Amino acid sequence: QAPLVESGGGLVQAGDSLTLSCVASGLAFSRLGLAWFRQTPGQEREFVAAISGIDGRLVYEDFAKGRFAISRDNAKNTVYLQMNSLKPEDTAVYYCAAEYSGIYWIAKEYEFWGQGTRVTVSS
């Protein structure tokens, strides 16, 4: 089984909300730094948000501030991304990522990845 499995993507209209989930298995979840990235065709993966496993520190990319919220439930081995006021430019495949050594803005720093969940926002 893949170490991270995302769910919750779908087709929504602009202004709608959506919550993505990512369940981890086989990992020491509470120790993990967790992040969400997104990717559109022909583009590199773009950092969205991250949450530390050490102190719960949250970091967001500018476009996500005030609209998106990352959270974690260590009892459920799950990380969430609540997305509000969605815009067509939020359309992408969203990936969760995990790394024991901390949280980072760069995708290559993360060891574990999910398969992605597609979010499409229509105008």
C-alpha atoms as a PDB file:
ATOM      1  CA  GLN A   1       0.000   0.000   0.000  1.00  0.00           C
ATOM      2  CA  ALA A   2       1.185   3.484  -0.844  1.00  0.00           C
ATOM      3  CA  PRO A   3       2.361   5.376   2.237  1.00  0.00           C
ATOM      4  CA  LEU A   4       0.085   8.335   1.501  1.00  0.00           C
ATOM      5  CA  VAL A   5      -3.356   8.234  -0.096  1.00  0.00           C
ATOM      6  CA  GLU A   6      -5.258  11.401  -0.932  1.00  0.00           C
ATOM      7  CA  SER A   7      -8.987  11.780  -1.412  1.00  0.00           C
ATOM      8  CA  GLY A   8     -11.613  14.481  -1.630  1.00  0.00           C
ATOM      9  CA  GLY A   9     -10.920  16.025  -5.010  1.00  0.00           C
ATOM     10  CA  GLY A  10     -13.650  16.726  -7.508  1.00  0.00           C
ATOM     11  CA  LEU A  11     -15.405  19.242  -9.696  1.00  0.00           C
ATOM     12  CA  VAL A  12     -16.710  22.349  -7.971  1.00  0.00           C
ATOM     13  CA  GLN A  13     -17.801  25.836  -8.929  1.00  0.00           C
ATOM     14  CA  ALA A  14     -15.908  29.015  -8.220  1.00  0.00           C
ATOM     15  CA  GLY A  15     -16.569  30.159  -4.668  1.00  0.00           C
ATOM     16  CA  ASP A  16     -17.208  26.656  -3.369  1.00  0.00           C
ATOM     17  CA  SER A  17     -15.290  24.872  -0.634  1.00  0.00           C
ATOM     18  CA  LEU A  18     -13.578  21.502  -0.674  1.00  0.00           C
ATOM     19  CA  THR A  19     -11.653  19.489   1.891  1.00  0.00           C
ATOM     20  CA  LEU A  20      -8.872  17.164   0.833  1.00  0.00           C
ATOM     21  CA  SER A  21      -7.696  14.318   3.052  1.00  0.00           C
ATOM     22  CA  CYS A  22      -4.501  12.322   3.057  1.00  0.00           C
ATOM     23  CA  VAL A  23      -4.164   9.150   5.088  1.00  0.00           C
ATOM     24  CA  ALA A  24      -0.746   7.786   5.942  1.00  0.00           C
ATOM     25  CA  SER A  25       0.113   4.188   6.591  1.00  0.00           C
ATOM     26  CA  GLY A  26       3.301   2.494   7.703  1.00  0.00           C
ATOM     27  CA  LEU A  27       4.810   5.769   8.887  1.00  0.00           C
ATOM     28  CA  ALA A  28       5.404   7.315  12.303  1.00  0.00           C
ATOM     29  CA  PHE A  29       2.775   9.910  11.553  1.00  0.00           C
ATOM     30  CA  SER A  30       3.122  12.195  14.557  1.00  0.00           C
ATOM     31  CA  ARG A  31       6.789  12.778  13.732  1.00  0.00           C
ATOM     32  CA  LEU A  32       6.180  13.736  10.140  1.00  0.00           C
ATOM     33  CA  GLY A  33       6.304  17.138   8.598  1.00  0.00           C
ATOM     34  CA  LEU A  34       3.348  17.207   6.200  1.00  0.00           C
ATOM     35  CA  ALA A  35       2.635  19.345   3.195  1.00  0.00           C
ATOM     36  CA  TRP A  36       0.300  19.847   0.296  1.00  0.00           C
ATOM     37  CA  PHE A  37       1.543  20.663  -3.192  1.00  0.00           C
ATOM     38  CA  ARG A  38      -0.315  21.120  -6.439  1.00  0.00           C
ATOM     39  CA  GLN A  39       0.574  20.665 -10.051  1.00  0.00           C
ATOM     40  CA  THR A  40      -0.856  21.682 -13.394  1.00  0.00           C
ATOM     41  CA  PRO A  41       0.186  20.219 -16.762  1.00  0.00           C
ATOM     42  CA  GLY A  42       3.649  21.303 -17.825  1.00  0.00           C
ATOM     43  CA  GLN A  43       4.387  22.957 -14.501  1.00  0.00           C
ATOM     44  CA  GLU A  44       6.467  21.960 -11.504  1.00  0.00           C
ATOM     45  CA  ARG A  45       4.789  21.039  -8.262  1.00  0.00           C
ATOM     46  CA  GLU A  46       3.847  24.160  -6.371  1.00  0.00           C
ATOM     47  CA  PHE A  47       3.929  24.447  -2.593  1.00  0.00           C
ATOM     48  CA  VAL A  48       0.550  25.102  -0.983  1.00  0.00           C
ATOM     49  CA  ALA A  49       0.884  24.613   2.775  1.00  0.00           C
ATOM     50  CA  ALA A  50       2.721  22.622   5.413  1.00  0.00           C
ATOM     51  CA  ILE A  51       2.376  21.666   9.055  1.00  0.00           C
ATOM     52  CA  SER A  52       5.219  20.673  11.317  1.00  0.00           C
ATOM     53  CA  GLY A  53       5.229  17.436  13.270  1.00  0.00           C
ATOM     54  CA  ILE A  54       7.443  18.983  15.948  1.00  0.00           C
ATOM     55  CA  ASP A  55       5.583  22.096  16.998  1.00  0.00           C
ATOM     56  CA  GLY A  56       2.507  22.250  14.746  1.00  0.00           C
ATOM     57  CA  ARG A  57       3.878  25.311  12.939  1.00  0.00           C
ATOM     58  CA  LEU A  58       1.878  26.223   9.860  1.00  0.00           C
ATOM     59  CA  VAL A  59       3.221  27.767   6.682  1.00  0.00           C
ATOM     60  CA  TYR A  60       1.296  28.829   3.611  1.00  0.00           C
ATOM     61  CA  GLU A  61       2.086  30.007   0.133  1.00  0.00           C
ATOM     62  CA  ASP A  62       0.756  33.506  -0.429  1.00  0.00           C
ATOM     63  CA  PHE A  63      -2.140  32.420  -2.632  1.00  0.00           C
ATOM     64  CA  ALA A  64      -3.335  30.048   0.100  1.00  0.00           C
ATOM     65  CA  LYS A  65      -3.291  32.505   2.986  1.00  0.00           C
ATOM     66  CA  GLY A  66      -6.779  33.317   4.185  1.00  0.00           C
ATOM     67  CA  ARG A  67      -8.458  30.757   1.911  1.00  0.00           C
ATOM     68  CA  PHE A  68      -6.824  27.409   2.676  1.00  0.00           C
ATOM     69  CA  ALA A  69      -6.195  25.715   6.010  1.00  0.00           C
ATOM     70  CA  ILE A  70      -3.968  22.732   6.671  1.00  0.00           C
ATOM     71  CA  SER A  71      -4.537  20.584   9.730  1.00  0.00           C
ATOM     72  CA  ARG A  72      -3.637  17.162  11.022  1.00  0.00           C
ATOM     73  CA  ASP A  73      -5.205  14.483  13.175  1.00  0.00           C
ATOM     74  CA  ASN A  74      -2.453  12.295  14.554  1.00  0.00           C
ATOM     75  CA  ALA A  75      -4.964   9.814  15.967  1.00  0.00           C
ATOM     76  CA  LYS A  76      -6.285   9.218  12.452  1.00  0.00           C
ATOM     77  CA  ASN A  77      -2.940   9.472  10.654  1.00  0.00           C
ATOM     78  CA  THR A  78      -4.577  12.062   8.452  1.00  0.00           C
ATOM     79  CA  VAL A  79      -3.692  15.496   7.131  1.00  0.00           C
ATOM     80  CA  TYR A  80      -6.350  17.779   5.693  1.00  0.00           C
ATOM     81  CA  LEU A  81      -6.473  20.744   3.375  1.00  0.00           C
ATOM     82  CA  GLN A  82      -9.596  22.849   3.744  1.00  0.00           C
ATOM     83  CA  MET A  83     -10.018  25.037   0.675  1.00  0.00           C
ATOM     84  CA  ASN A  84     -12.493  27.901   0.638  1.00  0.00           C
ATOM     85  CA  SER A  85     -13.464  30.487  -1.966  1.00  0.00           C
ATOM     86  CA  LEU A  86     -12.041  28.330  -4.696  1.00  0.00           C
ATOM     87  CA  LYS A  87     -11.021  29.964  -7.959  1.00  0.00           C
ATOM     88  CA  PRO A  88     -10.562  28.477 -11.434  1.00  0.00           C
ATOM     89  CA  GLU A  89      -6.810  29.016 -11.053  1.00  0.00           C
ATOM     90  CA  ASP A  90      -6.873  26.555  -8.138  1.00  0.00           C
ATOM     91  CA  THR A  91      -7.553  23.788 -10.653  1.00  0.00           C
ATOM     92  CA  ALA A  92      -4.734  21.238 -10.311  1.00  0.00           C
ATOM     93  CA  VAL A  93      -3.781  17.837  -9.059  1.00  0.00           C
ATOM     94  CA  TYR A  94      -3.147  18.141  -5.335  1.00  0.00           C
ATOM     95  CA  TYR A  95      -0.526  15.977  -3.668  1.00  0.00           C
ATOM     96  CA  CYS A  96       0.283  15.395  -0.035  1.00  0.00           C
ATOM     97  CA  ALA A  97       3.875  14.891   0.988  1.00  0.00           C
ATOM     98  CA  ALA A  98       5.656  13.814   4.142  1.00  0.00           C
ATOM     99  CA  GLU A  99       9.149  14.084   5.510  1.00  0.00           C
ATOM    100  CA  TYR A 100      10.603  13.183   8.895  1.00  0.00           C
ATOM    101  CA  SER A 101      13.271  15.865   8.913  1.00  0.00           C
ATOM    102  CA  GLY A 102      10.901  18.831   8.870  1.00  0.00           C
ATOM    103  CA  ILE A 103       8.787  20.964   6.566  1.00  0.00           C
ATOM    104  CA  TYR A 104      10.059  22.568   3.398  1.00  0.00           C
ATOM    105  CA  TRP A 105       8.872  24.725   0.544  1.00  0.00           C
ATOM    106  CA  ILE A 106      10.605  22.579  -2.073  1.00  0.00           C
ATOM    107  CA  ALA A 107       9.060  19.358  -3.353  1.00  0.00           C
ATOM    108  CA  LYS A 108      12.318  17.448  -3.672  1.00  0.00           C
ATOM    109  CA  GLU A 109      12.883  17.668   0.086  1.00  0.00           C
ATOM    110  CA  TYR A 110       9.965  15.327   0.756  1.00  0.00           C
ATOM    111  CA  GLU A 111      10.505  11.587   0.783  1.00  0.00           C
ATOM    112  CA  PHE A 112       6.941  10.325   0.753  1.00  0.00           C
ATOM    113  CA  TRP A 113       4.209  11.249  -1.719  1.00  0.00           C
ATOM    114  CA  GLY A 114       0.656  10.337  -2.492  1.00  0.00           C
ATOM    115  CA  GLN A 115      -0.746   9.663  -5.939  1.00  0.00           C
ATOM    116  CA  GLY A 116      -2.649  12.939  -6.098  1.00  0.00           C
ATOM    117  CA  THR A 117      -6.284  13.969  -6.212  1.00  0.00           C
ATOM    118  CA  ARG A 118      -7.664  16.192  -8.958  1.00  0.00           C
ATOM    119  CA  VAL A 119      -9.476  19.417  -8.168  1.00  0.00           C
ATOM    120  CA  THR A 120     -11.312  21.204 -10.947  1.00  0.00           C
ATOM    121  CA  VAL A 121     -12.897  24.591 -10.326  1.00  0.00           C
ATOM    122  CA  SER A 122     -15.303  25.817 -12.975  1.00  0.00           C
ATOM    123  CA  SER A 123     -16.054  29.494 -13.489  1.00  0.00           C
END
